[in-house]
């Protein structure tokens, strides 16, 4: 992550992990105790999960937080 030039934005790979494992949104949402609508918002990058939910997702997928979530720099509009 660079310090200059842009704002860090959290992106996630939840949809990628779910699709590769052939899991429905309903199945994943139920497994991590959220609604399907919340999962859709997370997958569309419209909602950042709480730390607790992020850890539940990582536990479900048996991966590290860094594998599922990443901070990327986005240029500011001027």
Foldseek 3Di string as FASTA:
>chain_A
DDDPFFDWAKAFCLVVLCVVVVHDLCRVCVQLVHHSVVVVCNNVSNDDDDPSSLVSSCVVSVHDSCNTMDIDGDGDDD
